[in-house]
Amino acid sequence: LLPLPPPPPHRFYSITAPLDKPATSKGKDLVIQLSVKIENHQYAFCGGGYIKLLPAGTKPETFGGNDEYHIMFGPDLCGYDVSHIHLIFNNKGENLLKTDKIALEYSDKNEYTHLYTMHLKPDGTYEVFFDLESKAKGKLVDDWGFPKPMIDDPTDSKPADWVDETMIDDPEDKKPEGYDDIPAQIPDPDATKPDDWDDEDDGEWEAPMVDNPDFQGEWHAKKIENPAYKGEWAPKQMANPNYEEGVQLAAYDSAMLGFELWIVNNGTIFDNILVTDDIEYAKAQGEKLWRPVAKAEKEVKEKWDKENKPAEEDMGSGMDDEDFDEEEEEPEEEEEKDEL
């Protein structure tokens, strides 16, 4: 797909495109890859850059946020706090968000073009890459709300006599005699009555109060391990009636791609959109199409900063030099791949 230019801000946009041929994750790998560039970059920038994998029958003329999708993938950036990659799967009509967010560093929110890659495997594992570097990986069933083989038995409850306190007061430890008689404050022993103090006019003189160095606070018995501790209670496990043995998770037949975005700040460019079943091919395309662009952007930005910014104002470009230190060789002639 050709790059999408930045639209005017504070508007809702949607666009779809049919895949050259249907994409399926049933029994095979699925890879979604795209590059996103915040052209009008500000660190207070707010905007999402999600792409959606859509089922057949999606109507382009009415496509919007309420339409069903199979996968939503891309960056979510806003202000100082929000900076992560969204990966959402549809499971029987319910959109499942990842339990733990795929966090990005604050320095990742810069004006350069970045590459986002999702790799889904038929064995129920996944991996997400940012600029071809792994950001998250694991099992779908562990990191999303897909039905799990075993669940807590809702009829099981903690016994009334269950002991879950790990430490208790030592019954042998006793409060010292006279402990409570020690005051928290005492008259300052170093204070003296001023020479000009007049008891008749000023009243009886009293020394100011100071913290008592002998006061030890409220007394507490020493703690010891509880001999009756039974461990942390957990309900019994039972087979999940909603779990389907042998059924592949996130198995889709998709026909279209789409964006539906609320644009707060304009200036986001989407490019290098790829759906394939070959992660190595996707990585090769990233090296070929994305890396030279990102490298050139950094070089141009550094040159402009050097020529136009005072040294004390140059806070750095936010991208590590090591990202592009290695000299790139001319890519070898690559064989034809099945690109969806």
C-alpha atoms as a PDB file:
ATOM      1  CA  LEU A   1       0.000   0.000   0.000  1.00  0.00           C
ATOM      2  CA  LEU A   2       1.102   3.543  -0.658  1.00  0.00           C
ATOM      3  CA  PRO A   3       1.857   5.803   2.313  1.00  0.00           C
ATOM      4  CA  LEU A   4      -1.146   7.622   3.770  1.00  0.00           C
ATOM      5  CA  PRO A   5      -0.531  11.389   4.066  1.00  0.00           C
ATOM      6  CA  PRO A   6      -1.257  13.258   7.313  1.00  0.00           C
ATOM      7  CA  PRO A   7      -4.915  14.412   7.498  1.00  0.00           C
ATOM      8  CA  PRO A   8      -6.328  17.520   9.213  1.00  0.00           C
ATOM      9  CA  PRO A   9      -6.612  17.186  13.022  1.00  0.00           C
ATOM     10  CA  HIS A  10      -9.639  16.650  15.304  1.00  0.00           C
ATOM     11  CA  ARG A  11     -11.514  14.481  12.865  1.00  0.00           C
ATOM     12  CA  PHE A  12     -12.528  10.860  12.517  1.00  0.00           C
ATOM     13  CA  TYR A  13     -11.093   8.940   9.573  1.00  0.00           C
ATOM     14  CA  SER A  14     -11.561   5.460   8.210  1.00  0.00           C
ATOM     15  CA  ILE A  15     -10.226   3.672   5.160  1.00  0.00           C
ATOM     16  CA  THR A  16     -10.172   0.055   4.008  1.00  0.00           C
ATOM     17  CA  ALA A  17      -8.473  -1.943   1.289  1.00  0.00           C
ATOM     18  CA  PRO A  18      -8.991  -5.537   0.155  1.00  0.00           C
ATOM     19  CA  LEU A  19      -6.076  -7.938   0.439  1.00  0.00           C
ATOM     20  CA  ASP A  20      -4.751  -9.313  -2.847  1.00  0.00           C
ATOM     21  CA  LYS A  21      -5.904 -12.696  -1.552  1.00  0.00           C
ATOM     22  CA  PRO A  22      -7.444 -13.854   1.743  1.00  0.00           C
ATOM     23  CA  ALA A  23      -5.068 -14.100   4.707  1.00  0.00           C
ATOM     24  CA  THR A  24      -5.470 -16.968   7.129  1.00  0.00           C
ATOM     25  CA  SER A  25      -3.851 -17.821  10.435  1.00  0.00           C
ATOM     26  CA  LYS A  26      -5.447 -21.275  10.497  1.00  0.00           C
ATOM     27  CA  GLY A  27      -2.630 -23.784  10.703  1.00  0.00           C
ATOM     28  CA  LYS A  28       0.019 -21.279   9.571  1.00  0.00           C
ATOM     29  CA  ASP A  29       1.933 -18.209  10.690  1.00  0.00           C
ATOM     30  CA  LEU A  30       0.481 -14.736  10.356  1.00  0.00           C
ATOM     31  CA  VAL A  31       2.622 -11.595  10.232  1.00  0.00           C
ATOM     32  CA  ILE A  32       1.342  -7.998  10.184  1.00  0.00           C
ATOM     33  CA  GLN A  33       3.871  -5.215   9.657  1.00  0.00           C
ATOM     34  CA  LEU A  34       3.622  -1.471   9.134  1.00  0.00           C
ATOM     35  CA  SER A  35       5.689   1.660   9.617  1.00  0.00           C
ATOM     36  CA  VAL A  36       4.383   4.762  11.377  1.00  0.00           C
ATOM     37  CA  LYS A  37       5.923   8.228  11.290  1.00  0.00           C
ATOM     38  CA  ILE A  38       4.740  11.190  13.359  1.00  0.00           C
ATOM     39  CA  GLU A  39       5.619  13.913  10.890  1.00  0.00           C
ATOM     40  CA  ASN A  40       4.364  16.819  13.002  1.00  0.00           C
ATOM     41  CA  HIS A  41       6.159  15.521  16.087  1.00  0.00           C
ATOM     42  CA  GLN A  42       5.626  16.892  19.572  1.00  0.00           C
ATOM     43  CA  TYR A  43       6.265  15.044  22.827  1.00  0.00           C
ATOM     44  CA  ALA A  44       2.725  15.974  23.859  1.00  0.00           C
ATOM     45  CA  PHE A  45       1.453  14.299  20.679  1.00  0.00           C
ATOM     46  CA  CYS A  46      -1.746  12.274  21.068  1.00  0.00           C
ATOM     47  CA  GLY A  47      -2.771   9.666  18.546  1.00  0.00           C
ATOM     48  CA  GLY A  48      -3.238   6.014  17.735  1.00  0.00           C
ATOM     49  CA  GLY A  49      -1.714   4.219  14.790  1.00  0.00           C
ATOM     50  CA  TYR A  50      -3.697   0.984  14.693  1.00  0.00           C
ATOM     51  CA  ILE A  51      -4.311  -1.169  11.677  1.00  0.00           C
ATOM     52  CA  LYS A  52      -7.149  -3.704  11.663  1.00  0.00           C
ATOM     53  CA  LEU A  53      -7.377  -7.087   9.959  1.00  0.00           C
ATOM     54  CA  LEU A  54     -10.989  -7.407   8.800  1.00  0.00           C
ATOM     55  CA  PRO A  55     -13.357 -10.224   7.842  1.00  0.00           C
ATOM     56  CA  ALA A  56     -14.999 -10.579   4.462  1.00  0.00           C
ATOM     57  CA  GLY A  57     -18.212  -8.616   4.210  1.00  0.00           C
ATOM     58  CA  THR A  58     -16.907  -5.455   5.886  1.00  0.00           C
ATOM     59  CA  LYS A  59     -18.558  -2.474   4.166  1.00  0.00           C
ATOM     60  CA  PRO A  60     -15.944   0.179   3.291  1.00  0.00           C
ATOM     61  CA  GLU A  61     -18.526   2.948   2.935  1.00  0.00           C
ATOM     62  CA  THR A  62     -19.695   2.586   6.558  1.00  0.00           C
ATOM     63  CA  PHE A  63     -16.589   1.103   8.203  1.00  0.00           C
ATOM     64  CA  GLY A  64     -16.071   2.447  11.733  1.00  0.00           C
ATOM     65  CA  GLY A  65     -15.271   1.672  15.324  1.00  0.00           C
ATOM     66  CA  ASN A  66     -18.280  -0.594  15.867  1.00  0.00           C
ATOM     67  CA  ASP A  67     -17.416  -2.955  13.028  1.00  0.00           C
ATOM     68  CA  GLU A  68     -16.040  -6.371  13.892  1.00  0.00           C
ATOM     69  CA  TYR A  69     -12.350  -6.959  13.302  1.00  0.00           C
ATOM     70  CA  HIS A  70     -10.020  -9.921  13.791  1.00  0.00           C
ATOM     71  CA  ILE A  71      -6.836  -8.191  14.969  1.00  0.00           C
ATOM     72  CA  MET A  72      -6.005  -4.586  15.879  1.00  0.00           C
ATOM     73  CA  PHE A  73      -2.304  -3.747  15.993  1.00  0.00           C
ATOM     74  CA  GLY A  74      -0.211  -0.596  16.271  1.00  0.00           C
ATOM     75  CA  PRO A  75       1.130   2.157  18.546  1.00  0.00           C
ATOM     76  CA  ASP A  76      -0.849   4.202  21.056  1.00  0.00           C
ATOM     77  CA  LEU A  77       0.928   7.417  22.028  1.00  0.00           C
ATOM     78  CA  CYS A  78      -0.324  10.328  24.124  1.00  0.00           C
ATOM     79  CA  GLY A  79       1.504  12.863  26.252  1.00  0.00           C
ATOM     80  CA  TYR A  80       4.047  11.792  28.838  1.00  0.00           C
ATOM     81  CA  ASP A  81       2.294   8.716  30.181  1.00  0.00           C
ATOM     82  CA  VAL A  82       0.790   6.698  27.318  1.00  0.00           C
ATOM     83  CA  SER A  83       3.340   4.943  25.149  1.00  0.00           C
ATOM     84  CA  HIS A  84       2.685   1.357  24.204  1.00  0.00           C
ATOM     85  CA  ILE A  85       1.810  -1.023  21.366  1.00  0.00           C
ATOM     86  CA  HIS A  86      -1.740  -2.310  21.148  1.00  0.00           C
ATOM     87  CA  LEU A  87      -2.423  -5.898  20.093  1.00  0.00           C
ATOM     88  CA  ILE A  88      -6.071  -6.895  20.387  1.00  0.00           C
ATOM     89  CA  PHE A  89      -7.622 -10.189  19.277  1.00  0.00           C
ATOM     90  CA  ASN A  90     -11.289 -10.904  18.640  1.00  0.00           C
ATOM     91  CA  ASN A  91     -12.603 -14.062  20.279  1.00  0.00           C
ATOM     92  CA  LYS A  92     -16.224 -14.945  19.485  1.00  0.00           C
ATOM     93  CA  GLY A  93     -17.233 -11.301  19.253  1.00  0.00           C
ATOM     94  CA  GLU A  94     -15.262 -10.109  22.288  1.00  0.00           C
ATOM     95  CA  ASN A  95     -12.192  -7.919  21.815  1.00  0.00           C
ATOM     96  CA  LEU A  96      -9.429  -9.127  24.131  1.00  0.00           C
ATOM     97  CA  LEU A  97      -6.786  -6.637  25.280  1.00  0.00           C
ATOM     98  CA  LYS A  98      -3.377  -7.822  26.427  1.00  0.00           C
ATOM     99  CA  THR A  99      -3.168  -8.292  30.200  1.00  0.00           C
ATOM    100  CA  ASP A 100       0.145  -6.390  30.421  1.00  0.00           C
ATOM    101  CA  LYS A 101       0.797  -3.537  28.003  1.00  0.00           C
ATOM    102  CA  ILE A 102       3.649  -3.706  25.521  1.00  0.00           C
ATOM    103  CA  ALA A 103       5.477  -0.634  26.769  1.00  0.00           C
ATOM    104  CA  LEU A 104       7.575   1.734  24.673  1.00  0.00           C
ATOM    105  CA  GLU A 105      10.308   3.961  26.040  1.00  0.00           C
ATOM    106  CA  TYR A 106       9.689   7.689  26.160  1.00  0.00           C
ATOM    107  CA  SER A 107      12.584   8.132  23.726  1.00  0.00           C
ATOM    108  CA  ASP A 108      10.700   5.952  21.219  1.00  0.00           C
ATOM    109  CA  LYS A 109       8.192   8.785  20.779  1.00  0.00           C
ATOM    110  CA  ASN A 110      10.148  10.818  18.260  1.00  0.00           C
ATOM    111  CA  GLU A 111       9.743  12.122  14.725  1.00  0.00           C
ATOM    112  CA  TYR A 112      11.440   9.192  12.995  1.00  0.00           C
ATOM    113  CA  THR A 113       9.716   6.401  11.099  1.00  0.00           C
ATOM    114  CA  HIS A 114       9.275   3.296  13.263  1.00  0.00           C
ATOM    115  CA  LEU A 115       8.445  -0.257  12.251  1.00  0.00           C
ATOM    116  CA  TYR A 116       5.875  -2.399  14.080  1.00  0.00           C
ATOM    117  CA  THR A 117       5.715  -6.159  13.490  1.00  0.00           C
ATOM    118  CA  MET A 118       3.369  -8.806  14.912  1.00  0.00           C
ATOM    119  CA  HIS A 119       4.149 -12.527  14.493  1.00  0.00           C
ATOM    120  CA  LEU A 120       1.392 -15.014  15.366  1.00  0.00           C
ATOM    121  CA  LYS A 121       2.096 -18.757  15.277  1.00  0.00           C
ATOM    122  CA  PRO A 122      -0.433 -21.606  14.983  1.00  0.00           C
ATOM    123  CA  ASP A 123       0.892 -23.184  18.203  1.00  0.00           C
ATOM    124  CA  GLY A 124      -0.621 -20.286  20.158  1.00  0.00           C
ATOM    125  CA  THR A 125       2.571 -18.266  20.661  1.00  0.00           C
ATOM    126  CA  TYR A 126       3.312 -14.716  19.532  1.00  0.00           C
ATOM    127  CA  GLU A 127       6.054 -12.110  19.305  1.00  0.00           C
ATOM    128  CA  VAL A 128       5.900  -8.339  18.793  1.00  0.00           C
ATOM    129  CA  PHE A 129       8.805  -6.321  17.364  1.00  0.00           C
ATOM    130  CA  PHE A 130       9.566  -2.592  17.450  1.00  0.00           C
ATOM    131  CA  ASP A 131      12.118  -1.511  14.849  1.00  0.00           C
ATOM    132  CA  LEU A 132      12.897  -5.223  14.317  1.00  0.00           C
ATOM    133  CA  GLU A 133      13.776  -5.656  18.010  1.00  0.00           C
ATOM    134  CA  SER A 134      11.650  -7.993  20.133  1.00  0.00           C
ATOM    135  CA  LYS A 135       9.379  -6.162  22.589  1.00  0.00           C
ATOM    136  CA  ALA A 136       7.112  -8.965  23.845  1.00  0.00           C
ATOM    137  CA  LYS A 137       6.564 -12.679  23.332  1.00  0.00           C
ATOM    138  CA  GLY A 138       4.774 -15.560  24.980  1.00  0.00           C
ATOM    139  CA  LYS A 139       1.560 -17.573  24.823  1.00  0.00           C
ATOM    140  CA  LEU A 140      -1.797 -16.162  23.802  1.00  0.00           C
ATOM    141  CA  VAL A 141      -3.624 -18.090  26.511  1.00  0.00           C
ATOM    142  CA  ASP A 142      -1.368 -16.597  29.207  1.00  0.00           C
ATOM    143  CA  ASP A 143      -1.393 -12.966  28.063  1.00  0.00           C
ATOM    144  CA  TRP A 144      -4.976 -12.479  26.815  1.00  0.00           C
ATOM    145  CA  GLY A 145      -8.360 -13.483  28.158  1.00  0.00           C
ATOM    146  CA  PHE A 146      -8.772 -16.552  25.972  1.00  0.00           C
ATOM    147  CA  PRO A 147     -10.519 -19.473  27.728  1.00  0.00           C
ATOM    148  CA  LYS A 148      -7.986 -21.430  29.783  1.00  0.00           C
ATOM    149  CA  PRO A 149      -8.063 -25.228  30.214  1.00  0.00           C
ATOM    150  CA  MET A 150      -8.586 -24.981  33.992  1.00  0.00           C
ATOM    151  CA  ILE A 151     -10.441 -22.398  36.064  1.00  0.00           C
ATOM    152  CA  ASP A 152     -11.230 -21.772  39.735  1.00  0.00           C
ATOM    153  CA  ASP A 153     -14.104 -23.877  41.083  1.00  0.00           C
ATOM    154  CA  PRO A 154     -16.799 -21.266  41.889  1.00  0.00           C
ATOM    155  CA  THR A 155     -18.309 -23.589  44.547  1.00  0.00           C
ATOM    156  CA  ASP A 156     -15.071 -23.824  46.529  1.00  0.00           C
ATOM    157  CA  SER A 157     -14.566 -21.379  49.394  1.00  0.00           C
ATOM    158  CA  LYS A 158     -11.884 -20.822  51.996  1.00  0.00           C
ATOM    159  CA  PRO A 159     -12.517 -22.798  55.223  1.00  0.00           C
ATOM    160  CA  ALA A 160     -13.401 -20.714  58.250  1.00  0.00           C
ATOM    161  CA  ASP A 161     -10.472 -22.148  60.212  1.00  0.00           C
ATOM    162  CA  TRP A 162      -7.933 -21.535  57.449  1.00  0.00           C
ATOM    163  CA  VAL A 163      -4.837 -19.799  58.838  1.00  0.00           C
ATOM    164  CA  ASP A 164      -3.143 -17.519  56.324  1.00  0.00           C
ATOM    165  CA  GLU A 165      -1.139 -15.293  58.669  1.00  0.00           C
ATOM    166  CA  THR A 166       2.548 -16.008  58.140  1.00  0.00           C
ATOM    167  CA  MET A 167       3.747 -14.185  61.295  1.00  0.00           C
ATOM    168  CA  ILE A 168       2.249 -13.775  64.768  1.00  0.00           C
ATOM    169  CA  ASP A 169       3.152 -12.005  68.009  1.00  0.00           C
ATOM    170  CA  ASP A 170       5.638 -13.944  70.122  1.00  0.00           C
ATOM    171  CA  PRO A 171       3.598 -15.089  73.179  1.00  0.00           C
ATOM    172  CA  GLU A 172       6.827 -15.227  75.216  1.00  0.00           C
ATOM    173  CA  ASP A 173       7.629 -11.583  74.576  1.00  0.00           C
ATOM    174  CA  LYS A 174       6.357  -9.324  77.371  1.00  0.00           C
ATOM    175  CA  LYS A 175       6.144  -5.553  77.666  1.00  0.00           C
ATOM    176  CA  PRO A 176       8.865  -4.249  80.035  1.00  0.00           C
ATOM    177  CA  GLU A 177       7.592  -3.002  83.381  1.00  0.00           C
ATOM    178  CA  GLY A 178       7.130   0.758  83.391  1.00  0.00           C
ATOM    179  CA  TYR A 179       7.312   0.958  79.561  1.00  0.00           C
ATOM    180  CA  ASP A 180       4.104   3.012  79.301  1.00  0.00           C
ATOM    181  CA  ASP A 181       5.281   5.424  82.011  1.00  0.00           C
ATOM    182  CA  ILE A 182       7.971   6.887  79.751  1.00  0.00           C
ATOM    183  CA  PRO A 183       6.576  10.156  78.281  1.00  0.00           C
ATOM    184  CA  ALA A 184       7.016  11.086  74.631  1.00  0.00           C
ATOM    185  CA  GLN A 185       8.223  14.581  75.587  1.00  0.00           C
ATOM    186  CA  ILE A 186      10.039  16.060  78.562  1.00  0.00           C
ATOM    187  CA  PRO A 187      10.983  19.573  79.664  1.00  0.00           C
ATOM    188  CA  ASP A 188      14.156  20.717  77.961  1.00  0.00           C
ATOM    189  CA  PRO A 189      16.899  20.109  80.582  1.00  0.00           C
ATOM    190  CA  ASP A 190      19.112  22.736  78.945  1.00  0.00           C
ATOM    191  CA  ALA A 191      16.522  25.493  79.044  1.00  0.00           C
ATOM    192  CA  THR A 192      16.801  28.253  81.695  1.00  0.00           C
ATOM    193  CA  LYS A 193      14.362  30.922  82.764  1.00  0.00           C
ATOM    194  CA  PRO A 194      15.148  34.249  81.084  1.00  0.00           C
ATOM    195  CA  ASP A 195      16.650  36.883  83.351  1.00  0.00           C
ATOM    196  CA  ASP A 196      13.858  39.338  82.566  1.00  0.00           C
ATOM    197  CA  TRP A 197      11.096  36.815  83.354  1.00  0.00           C
ATOM    198  CA  ASP A 198       8.644  38.202  85.916  1.00  0.00           C
ATOM    199  CA  ASP A 199       6.516  35.511  87.574  1.00  0.00           C
ATOM    200  CA  GLU A 200       3.870  38.048  88.643  1.00  0.00           C
ATOM    201  CA  ASP A 201       3.489  39.524  85.159  1.00  0.00           C
ATOM    202  CA  ASP A 202       4.425  36.541  82.990  1.00  0.00           C
ATOM    203  CA  GLY A 203       3.150  33.669  85.118  1.00  0.00           C
ATOM    204  CA  GLU A 204       5.061  30.675  86.347  1.00  0.00           C
ATOM    205  CA  TRP A 205       7.896  29.870  83.952  1.00  0.00           C
ATOM    206  CA  GLU A 206       7.943  26.417  82.385  1.00  0.00           C
ATOM    207  CA  ALA A 207      10.723  24.956  80.285  1.00  0.00           C
ATOM    208  CA  PRO A 208       9.791  24.172  76.675  1.00  0.00           C
ATOM    209  CA  MET A 209       9.094  20.534  75.862  1.00  0.00           C
ATOM    210  CA  VAL A 210      11.459  18.435  73.727  1.00  0.00           C
ATOM    211  CA  ASP A 211      11.353  14.859  72.434  1.00  0.00           C
ATOM    212  CA  ASN A 212      12.290  12.318  75.053  1.00  0.00           C
ATOM    213  CA  PRO A 213      15.316  10.292  73.852  1.00  0.00           C
ATOM    214  CA  ASP A 214      14.202   7.397  76.099  1.00  0.00           C
ATOM    215  CA  PHE A 215      10.723   7.186  74.549  1.00  0.00           C
ATOM    216  CA  GLN A 216      10.471   4.170  72.189  1.00  0.00           C
ATOM    217  CA  GLY A 217       6.942   4.603  70.877  1.00  0.00           C
ATOM    218  CA  GLU A 218       4.051   2.187  71.174  1.00  0.00           C
ATOM    219  CA  TRP A 219       5.188  -1.236  72.311  1.00  0.00           C
ATOM    220  CA  HIS A 220       4.762  -4.193  69.976  1.00  0.00           C
ATOM    221  CA  ALA A 221       5.587  -7.807  70.664  1.00  0.00           C
ATOM    222  CA  LYS A 222       8.253  -9.421  68.512  1.00  0.00           C
ATOM    223  CA  LYS A 223       7.043 -11.398  65.531  1.00  0.00           C
ATOM    224  CA  ILE A 224       7.679 -15.100  64.998  1.00  0.00           C
ATOM    225  CA  GLU A 225       6.695 -17.543  62.276  1.00  0.00           C
ATOM    226  CA  ASN A 226       3.169 -18.830  62.714  1.00  0.00           C
ATOM    227  CA  PRO A 227       3.304 -22.588  63.394  1.00  0.00           C
ATOM    228  CA  ALA A 228      -0.352 -22.909  62.326  1.00  0.00           C
ATOM    229  CA  TYR A 229       0.190 -21.239  58.921  1.00  0.00           C
ATOM    230  CA  LYS A 230      -1.296 -23.377  56.151  1.00  0.00           C
ATOM    231  CA  GLY A 231      -0.122 -21.376  53.162  1.00  0.00           C
ATOM    232  CA  GLU A 232      -1.928 -19.049  50.775  1.00  0.00           C
ATOM    233  CA  TRP A 233      -5.373 -20.414  50.069  1.00  0.00           C
ATOM    234  CA  ALA A 234      -6.444 -20.978  46.475  1.00  0.00           C
ATOM    235  CA  PRO A 235      -9.704 -22.473  45.196  1.00  0.00           C
ATOM    236  CA  LYS A 236      -9.731 -25.900  43.627  1.00  0.00           C
ATOM    237  CA  GLN A 237      -9.256 -26.080  39.889  1.00  0.00           C
ATOM    238  CA  MET A 238     -11.836 -27.542  37.542  1.00  0.00           C
ATOM    239  CA  ALA A 239     -12.073 -28.105  33.810  1.00  0.00           C
ATOM    240  CA  ASN A 240     -13.243 -24.992  31.972  1.00  0.00           C
ATOM    241  CA  PRO A 241     -16.512 -25.779  30.165  1.00  0.00           C
ATOM    242  CA  ASN A 242     -15.756 -22.975  27.677  1.00  0.00           C
ATOM    243  CA  TYR A 243     -12.348 -24.357  26.749  1.00  0.00           C
ATOM    244  CA  GLU A 244     -12.187 -26.181  23.430  1.00  0.00           C
ATOM    245  CA  GLU A 245      -9.457 -28.798  23.367  1.00  0.00           C
ATOM    246  CA  GLY A 246      -7.350 -28.767  20.219  1.00  0.00           C
ATOM    247  CA  VAL A 247      -8.923 -25.582  18.812  1.00  0.00           C
ATOM    248  CA  GLN A 248      -6.377 -23.017  17.583  1.00  0.00           C
ATOM    249  CA  LEU A 249      -6.596 -19.613  19.236  1.00  0.00           C
ATOM    250  CA  ALA A 250      -6.786 -16.474  17.080  1.00  0.00           C
ATOM    251  CA  ALA A 251      -7.552 -18.495  13.952  1.00  0.00           C
ATOM    252  CA  TYR A 252      -8.979 -16.166  11.317  1.00  0.00           C
ATOM    253  CA  ASP A 253      -9.776 -15.959   7.626  1.00  0.00           C
ATOM    254  CA  SER A 254      -9.366 -12.277   6.794  1.00  0.00           C
ATOM    255  CA  ALA A 255     -10.103 -10.417   3.583  1.00  0.00           C
ATOM    256  CA  MET A 256      -9.388  -6.720   4.211  1.00  0.00           C
ATOM    257  CA  LEU A 257      -7.231  -4.201   6.055  1.00  0.00           C
ATOM    258  CA  GLY A 258      -8.503  -0.979   7.552  1.00  0.00           C
ATOM    259  CA  PHE A 259      -7.728   2.081   9.625  1.00  0.00           C
ATOM    260  CA  GLU A 260     -10.356   3.874  11.711  1.00  0.00           C
ATOM    261  CA  LEU A 261      -8.755   6.644  13.740  1.00  0.00           C
ATOM    262  CA  TRP A 262      -9.671   9.728  15.707  1.00  0.00           C
ATOM    263  CA  ILE A 263      -6.961  12.219  14.760  1.00  0.00           C
ATOM    264  CA  VAL A 264      -6.149  14.652  17.600  1.00  0.00           C
ATOM    265  CA  ASN A 265      -2.817  15.864  16.182  1.00  0.00           C
ATOM    266  CA  ASN A 266      -2.283  15.564  12.460  1.00  0.00           C
ATOM    267  CA  GLY A 267       0.987  14.458  10.957  1.00  0.00           C
ATOM    268  CA  THR A 268       1.048  10.645  11.058  1.00  0.00           C
ATOM    269  CA  ILE A 269       2.191   8.725   7.969  1.00  0.00           C
ATOM    270  CA  PHE A 270       1.521   4.995   7.535  1.00  0.00           C
ATOM    271  CA  ASP A 271       3.621   2.995   5.085  1.00  0.00           C
ATOM    272  CA  ASN A 272       5.227  -0.394   4.374  1.00  0.00           C
ATOM    273  CA  ILE A 273       2.016  -2.258   5.199  1.00  0.00           C
ATOM    274  CA  LEU A 274       2.529  -5.989   4.844  1.00  0.00           C
ATOM    275  CA  VAL A 275       0.510  -9.122   5.647  1.00  0.00           C
ATOM    276  CA  THR A 276       2.352 -12.376   5.086  1.00  0.00           C
ATOM    277  CA  ASP A 277       2.983 -15.834   6.528  1.00  0.00           C
ATOM    278  CA  ASP A 278       6.791 -15.516   6.551  1.00  0.00           C
ATOM    279  CA  ILE A 279       8.462 -13.638   9.431  1.00  0.00           C
ATOM    280  CA  GLU A 280      11.888 -13.759   7.788  1.00  0.00           C
ATOM    281  CA  TYR A 281      10.478 -12.199   4.631  1.00  0.00           C
ATOM    282  CA  ALA A 282       8.860  -9.467   6.737  1.00  0.00           C
ATOM    283  CA  LYS A 283      12.159  -8.760   8.496  1.00  0.00           C
ATOM    284  CA  ALA A 284      13.978  -8.632   5.146  1.00  0.00           C
ATOM    285  CA  GLN A 285      11.412  -6.160   3.828  1.00  0.00           C
ATOM    286  CA  GLY A 286      11.897  -4.074   6.947  1.00  0.00           C
ATOM    287  CA  GLU A 287      15.648  -3.989   6.421  1.00  0.00           C
ATOM    288  CA  LYS A 288      15.160  -3.102   2.771  1.00  0.00           C
ATOM    289  CA  LEU A 289      12.363  -0.515   3.007  1.00  0.00           C
ATOM    290  CA  TRP A 290      12.255   0.854   6.550  1.00  0.00           C
ATOM    291  CA  ARG A 291      15.836   0.940   7.847  1.00  0.00           C
ATOM    292  CA  PRO A 292      17.352   3.104   5.066  1.00  0.00           C
ATOM    293  CA  VAL A 293      14.531   5.638   5.511  1.00  0.00           C
ATOM    294  CA  ALA A 294      14.925   5.811   9.284  1.00  0.00           C
ATOM    295  CA  LYS A 295      18.695   6.091   8.950  1.00  0.00           C
ATOM    296  CA  ALA A 296      18.404   8.922   6.431  1.00  0.00           C
ATOM    297  CA  GLU A 297      15.877  10.766   8.599  1.00  0.00           C
ATOM    298  CA  LYS A 298      18.262  10.660  11.543  1.00  0.00           C
ATOM    299  CA  GLU A 299      21.192  11.895   9.465  1.00  0.00           C
ATOM    300  CA  VAL A 300      19.175  14.791   8.028  1.00  0.00           C
ATOM    301  CA  LYS A 301      17.841  15.734  11.480  1.00  0.00           C
ATOM    302  CA  GLU A 302      21.320  15.702  13.018  1.00  0.00           C
ATOM    303  CA  LYS A 303      22.675  17.843  10.181  1.00  0.00           C
ATOM    304  CA  TRP A 304      19.829  20.348  10.551  1.00  0.00           C
ATOM    305  CA  ASP A 305      20.292  20.509  14.331  1.00  0.00           C
ATOM    306  CA  LYS A 306      24.009  21.083  13.938  1.00  0.00           C
ATOM    307  CA  GLU A 307      23.462  23.943  11.519  1.00  0.00           C
ATOM    308  CA  ASN A 308      20.461  25.601  13.179  1.00  0.00           C
ATOM    309  CA  LYS A 309      20.391  24.823  16.905  1.00  0.00           C
ATOM    310  CA  PRO A 310      22.656  26.282  19.594  1.00  0.00           C
ATOM    311  CA  ALA A 311      24.637  23.512  21.270  1.00  0.00           C
ATOM    312  CA  GLU A 312      22.927  23.971  24.653  1.00  0.00           C
ATOM    313  CA  GLU A 313      19.459  23.557  23.072  1.00  0.00           C
ATOM    314  CA  ASP A 314      20.304  20.366  21.212  1.00  0.00           C
ATOM    315  CA  MET A 315      18.785  17.792  23.510  1.00  0.00           C
ATOM    316  CA  GLY A 316      19.462  14.885  21.169  1.00  0.00           C
ATOM    317  CA  SER A 317      17.250  13.214  18.641  1.00  0.00           C
ATOM    318  CA  GLY A 318      15.969  10.440  20.898  1.00  0.00           C
ATOM    319  CA  MET A 319      17.341   7.601  18.775  1.00  0.00           C
ATOM    320  CA  ASP A 320      20.437   5.704  19.768  1.00  0.00           C
ATOM    321  CA  ASP A 321      23.409   6.086  17.479  1.00  0.00           C
ATOM    322  CA  GLU A 322      24.101   2.391  17.710  1.00  0.00           C
ATOM    323  CA  ASP A 323      20.887   1.717  15.825  1.00  0.00           C
ATOM    324  CA  PHE A 324      22.594   2.695  12.602  1.00  0.00           C
ATOM    325  CA  ASP A 325      26.332   2.439  13.255  1.00  0.00           C
ATOM    326  CA  GLU A 326      26.802  -0.693  11.229  1.00  0.00           C
ATOM    327  CA  GLU A 327      27.439  -0.217   7.559  1.00  0.00           C
ATOM    328  CA  GLU A 328      24.721  -1.804   5.512  1.00  0.00           C
ATOM    329  CA  GLU A 329      25.601  -4.112   2.691  1.00  0.00           C
ATOM    330  CA  GLU A 330      23.712  -4.196  -0.563  1.00  0.00           C
ATOM    331  CA  PRO A 331      20.848  -6.676  -0.105  1.00  0.00           C
ATOM    332  CA  GLU A 332      21.218  -9.903  -1.999  1.00  0.00           C
ATOM    333  CA  GLU A 333      18.795 -10.776  -4.731  1.00  0.00           C
ATOM    334  CA  GLU A 334      15.819 -12.212  -2.825  1.00  0.00           C
ATOM    335  CA  GLU A 335      13.572 -14.911  -4.100  1.00  0.00           C
ATOM    336  CA  GLU A 336       9.900 -14.286  -4.795  1.00  0.00           C
ATOM    337  CA  LYS A 337       7.778 -14.639  -1.603  1.00  0.00           C
ATOM    338  CA  ASP A 338       4.097 -15.245  -1.095  1.00  0.00           C
ATOM    339  CA  GLU A 339       2.922 -11.811   0.032  1.00  0.00           C
ATOM    340  CA  LEU A 340      -0.713 -11.628   1.092  1.00  0.00           C
END
